[in-house]
Structures are given as C-alpha cells and as structure tokens.
Amino acid sequence: MEIGRSLLILKKLIYNTLGNFHQMSKLEIYTIEVRLGGISDWC
C-alpha cells in the first residue's frame, strides 16, 4: 500500500515538473503516465 501511495505522489511530482518546467508535449507526458501506470500495476 505504501509503495503504491509513494508512486502516486512521485507520478504527480514528475507530471507537474515535466508539465510546468519543460513543457513537454502531451504525448510525451502520456507516455510517462503509461510507464508509471505499468509500474504501479506490479505493486
């Protein structure tokens, strides 16, 4: 449970950091979301 919660927080941090500071395209952010989603599925 704790790992899942940590990943969720990490995911939000990464999403916000990439979205705000690097202004990545939505496709790149979506790709990262999918990867993190895949990781959380294993936990």
PDB file of N, CA and C in Angstrom:
ATOM      1  N   MET A   1       0.829  -1.198   0.000  1.00  0.00           N
ATOM      2  CA  MET A   1       0.000   0.000   0.000  1.00  0.00           C
ATOM      3  C   MET A   1       0.874   1.262   0.000  1.00  0.00           C
ATOM      4  N   GLU A   2       1.894   1.272   0.860  1.00  0.00           N
ATOM      5  CA  GLU A   2       2.765   2.444   0.952  1.00  0.00           C
ATOM      6  C   GLU A   2       3.492   2.702  -0.369  1.00  0.00           C
ATOM      7  N   ILE A   3       3.918   1.618  -1.019  1.00  0.00           N
ATOM      8  CA  ILE A   3       4.625   1.759  -2.299  1.00  0.00           C
ATOM      9  C   ILE A   3       3.703   2.384  -3.340  1.00  0.00           C
ATOM     10  N   GLY A   4       2.476   1.932  -3.368  1.00  0.00           N
ATOM     11  CA  GLY A   4       1.509   2.476  -4.318  1.00  0.00           C
ATOM     12  C   GLY A   4       1.271   3.955  -4.087  1.00  0.00           C
ATOM     13  N   ARG A   5       1.162   4.337  -2.817  1.00  0.00           N
ATOM     14  CA  ARG A   5       0.938   5.750  -2.471  1.00  0.00           C
ATOM     15  C   ARG A   5       2.150   6.585  -2.862  1.00  0.00           C
ATOM     16  N   SER A   6       3.352   6.054  -2.607  1.00  0.00           N
ATOM     17  CA  SER A   6       4.576   6.765  -2.961  1.00  0.00           C
ATOM     18  C   SER A   6       4.673   6.967  -4.465  1.00  0.00           C
ATOM     19  N   LEU A   7       4.319   5.933  -5.222  1.00  0.00           N
ATOM     20  CA  LEU A   7       4.347   6.044  -6.673  1.00  0.00           C
ATOM     21  C   LEU A   7       3.356   7.079  -7.170  1.00  0.00           C
ATOM     22  N   LEU A   8       2.205   7.144  -6.527  1.00  0.00           N
ATOM     23  CA  LEU A   8       1.193   8.121  -6.928  1.00  0.00           C
ATOM     24  C   LEU A   8       1.710   9.539  -6.715  1.00  0.00           C
ATOM     25  N   ILE A   9       2.363   9.769  -5.572  1.00  0.00           N
ATOM     26  CA  ILE A   9       2.946  11.083  -5.279  1.00  0.00           C
ATOM     27  C   ILE A   9       4.069  11.382  -6.269  1.00  0.00           C
ATOM     28  N   LEU A  10       4.922  10.395  -6.516  1.00  0.00           N
ATOM     29  CA  LEU A  10       6.033  10.555  -7.450  1.00  0.00           C
ATOM     30  C   LEU A  10       5.504  10.886  -8.845  1.00  0.00           C
ATOM     31  N   LYS A  11       4.439  10.175  -9.237  1.00  0.00           N
ATOM     32  CA  LYS A  11       3.822  10.392 -10.534  1.00  0.00           C
ATOM     33  C   LYS A  11       3.336  11.834 -10.671  1.00  0.00           C
ATOM     34  N   LYS A  12       2.697  12.346  -9.626  1.00  0.00           N
ATOM     35  CA  LYS A  12       2.205  13.726  -9.646  1.00  0.00           C
ATOM     36  C   LYS A  12       3.360  14.707  -9.721  1.00  0.00           C
ATOM     37  N   LEU A  13       4.435  14.432  -8.951  1.00  0.00           N
ATOM     38  CA  LEU A  13       5.603  15.304  -8.967  1.00  0.00           C
ATOM     39  C   LEU A  13       6.231  15.347 -10.355  1.00  0.00           C
ATOM     40  N   ILE A  14       6.412  14.185 -10.951  1.00  0.00           N
ATOM     41  CA  ILE A  14       7.003  14.108 -12.285  1.00  0.00           C
ATOM     42  C   ILE A  14       6.103  14.806 -13.297  1.00  0.00           C
ATOM     43  N   TYR A  15       4.800  14.544 -13.221  1.00  0.00           N
ATOM     44  CA  TYR A  15       3.847  15.146 -14.143  1.00  0.00           C
ATOM     45  C   TYR A  15       3.908  16.663 -14.046  1.00  0.00           C
ATOM     46  N   ASN A  16       3.897  17.193 -12.802  1.00  0.00           N
ATOM     47  CA  ASN A  16       3.935  18.639 -12.599  1.00  0.00           C
ATOM     48  C   ASN A  16       5.256  19.244 -13.048  1.00  0.00           C
ATOM     49  N   THR A  17       6.354  18.560 -12.714  1.00  0.00           N
ATOM     50  CA  THR A  17       7.682  19.073 -13.074  1.00  0.00           C
ATOM     51  C   THR A  17       7.848  19.127 -14.586  1.00  0.00           C
ATOM     52  N   LEU A  18       7.527  18.040 -15.254  1.00  0.00           N
ATOM     53  CA  LEU A  18       7.674  17.999 -16.703  1.00  0.00           C
ATOM     54  C   LEU A  18       6.707  18.953 -17.383  1.00  0.00           C
ATOM     55  N   GLY A  19       5.470  18.981 -16.878  1.00  0.00           N
ATOM     56  CA  GLY A  19       4.457  19.847 -17.479  1.00  0.00           C
ATOM     57  C   GLY A  19       4.782  21.321 -17.316  1.00  0.00           C
ATOM     58  N   ASN A  20       5.260  21.706 -16.129  1.00  0.00           N
ATOM     59  CA  ASN A  20       5.484  23.120 -15.846  1.00  0.00           C
ATOM     60  C   ASN A  20       6.830  23.634 -16.346  1.00  0.00           C
ATOM     61  N   PHE A  21       7.900  22.902 -16.046  1.00  0.00           N
ATOM     62  CA  PHE A  21       9.231  23.421 -16.325  1.00  0.00           C
ATOM     63  C   PHE A  21       9.733  23.093 -17.722  1.00  0.00           C
ATOM     64  N   HIS A  22       9.449  21.911 -18.210  1.00  0.00           N
ATOM     65  CA  HIS A  22       9.953  21.512 -19.522  1.00  0.00           C
ATOM     66  C   HIS A  22       8.898  21.672 -20.616  1.00  0.00           C
ATOM     67  N   GLN A  23       7.639  21.834 -20.190  1.00  0.00           N
ATOM     68  CA  GLN A  23       6.526  21.999 -21.124  1.00  0.00           C
ATOM     69  C   GLN A  23       6.585  20.950 -22.241  1.00  0.00           C
ATOM     70  N   MET A  24       6.670  19.704 -21.807  1.00  0.00           N
ATOM     71  CA  MET A  24       6.700  18.598 -22.760  1.00  0.00           C
ATOM     72  C   MET A  24       5.350  18.482 -23.441  1.00  0.00           C
ATOM     73  N   SER A  25       5.379  17.873 -24.607  1.00  0.00           N
ATOM     74  CA  SER A  25       4.129  17.674 -25.323  1.00  0.00           C
ATOM     75  C   SER A  25       3.243  16.702 -24.558  1.00  0.00           C
ATOM     76  N   LYS A  26       1.957  16.755 -24.814  1.00  0.00           N
ATOM     77  CA  LYS A  26       1.021  15.869 -24.128  1.00  0.00           C
ATOM     78  C   LYS A  26       1.337  14.409 -24.427  1.00  0.00           C
ATOM     79  N   LEU A  27       1.847  14.128 -25.620  1.00  0.00           N
ATOM     80  CA  LEU A  27       2.181  12.749 -25.979  1.00  0.00           C
ATOM     81  C   LEU A  27       3.299  12.221 -25.094  1.00  0.00           C
ATOM     82  N   GLU A  28       4.325  13.047 -24.861  1.00  0.00           N
ATOM     83  CA  GLU A  28       5.438  12.622 -24.004  1.00  0.00           C
ATOM     84  C   GLU A  28       4.968  12.395 -22.572  1.00  0.00           C
ATOM     85  N   ILE A  29       4.145  13.293 -22.062  1.00  0.00           N
ATOM     86  CA  ILE A  29       3.624  13.144 -20.698  1.00  0.00           C
ATOM     87  C   ILE A  29       2.756  11.890 -20.616  1.00  0.00           C
ATOM     88  N   TYR A  30       1.948  11.654 -21.658  1.00  0.00           N
ATOM     89  CA  TYR A  30       1.091  10.471 -21.683  1.00  0.00           C
ATOM     90  C   TYR A  30       1.937   9.199 -21.653  1.00  0.00           C
ATOM     91  N   THR A  31       3.033   9.201 -22.403  1.00  0.00           N
ATOM     92  CA  THR A  31       3.933   8.038 -22.433  1.00  0.00           C
ATOM     93  C   THR A  31       4.490   7.758 -21.041  1.00  0.00           C
ATOM     94  N   ILE A  32       4.893   8.813 -20.332  1.00  0.00           N
ATOM     95  CA  ILE A  32       5.413   8.657 -18.967  1.00  0.00           C
ATOM     96  C   ILE A  32       4.317   8.130 -18.045  1.00  0.00           C
ATOM     97  N   GLU A  33       3.106   8.669 -18.194  1.00  0.00           N
ATOM     98  CA  GLU A  33       1.968   8.214 -17.393  1.00  0.00           C
ATOM     99  C   GLU A  33       1.749   6.716 -17.588  1.00  0.00           C
ATOM    100  N   VAL A  34       1.808   6.263 -18.829  1.00  0.00           N
ATOM    101  CA  VAL A  34       1.600   4.845 -19.130  1.00  0.00           C
ATOM    102  C   VAL A  34       2.687   4.000 -18.479  1.00  0.00           C
ATOM    103  N   ARG A  35       3.929   4.456 -18.553  1.00  0.00           N
ATOM    104  CA  ARG A  35       5.042   3.715 -17.940  1.00  0.00           C
ATOM    105  C   ARG A  35       4.864   3.618 -16.435  1.00  0.00           C
ATOM    106  N   LEU A  36       4.534   4.748 -15.796  1.00  0.00           N
ATOM    107  CA  LEU A  36       4.339   4.735 -14.346  1.00  0.00           C
ATOM    108  C   LEU A  36       3.125   3.897 -13.981  1.00  0.00           C
ATOM    109  N   GLY A  37       2.090   3.952 -14.807  1.00  0.00           N
ATOM    110  CA  GLY A  37       0.911   3.127 -14.567  1.00  0.00           C
ATOM    111  C   GLY A  37       1.274   1.655 -14.628  1.00  0.00           C
ATOM    112  N   GLY A  38       2.136   1.290 -15.572  1.00  0.00           N
ATOM    113  CA  GLY A  38       2.591  -0.087 -15.695  1.00  0.00           C
ATOM    114  C   GLY A  38       3.383  -0.518 -14.485  1.00  0.00           C
ATOM    115  N   ILE A  39       4.201   0.391 -13.962  1.00  0.00           N
ATOM    116  CA  ILE A  39       4.985   0.077 -12.760  1.00  0.00           C
ATOM    117  C   ILE A  39       4.054  -0.168 -11.577  1.00  0.00           C
ATOM    118  N   SER A  40       3.069   0.707 -11.398  1.00  0.00           N
ATOM    119  CA  SER A  40       2.187   0.585 -10.239  1.00  0.00           C
ATOM    120  C   SER A  40       1.329  -0.679 -10.307  1.00  0.00           C
ATOM    121  N   ASP A  41       1.101  -1.177 -11.519  1.00  0.00           N
ATOM    122  CA  ASP A  41       0.337  -2.417 -11.668  1.00  0.00           C
ATOM    123  C   ASP A  41       1.061  -3.606 -11.039  1.00  0.00           C
ATOM    124  N   TRP A  42       2.397  -3.517 -10.975  1.00  0.00           N
ATOM    125  CA  TRP A  42       3.181  -4.625 -10.427  1.00  0.00           C
ATOM    126  C   TRP A  42       3.205  -4.624  -8.909  1.00  0.00           C
ATOM    127  N   CYS A  43       2.854  -3.494  -8.306  1.00  0.00           N
ATOM    128  CA  CYS A  43       2.945  -3.382  -6.850  1.00  0.00           C
ATOM    129  C   CYS A  43       1.727  -3.984  -6.162  1.00  0.00           C
TER     130      CYS A  43
END
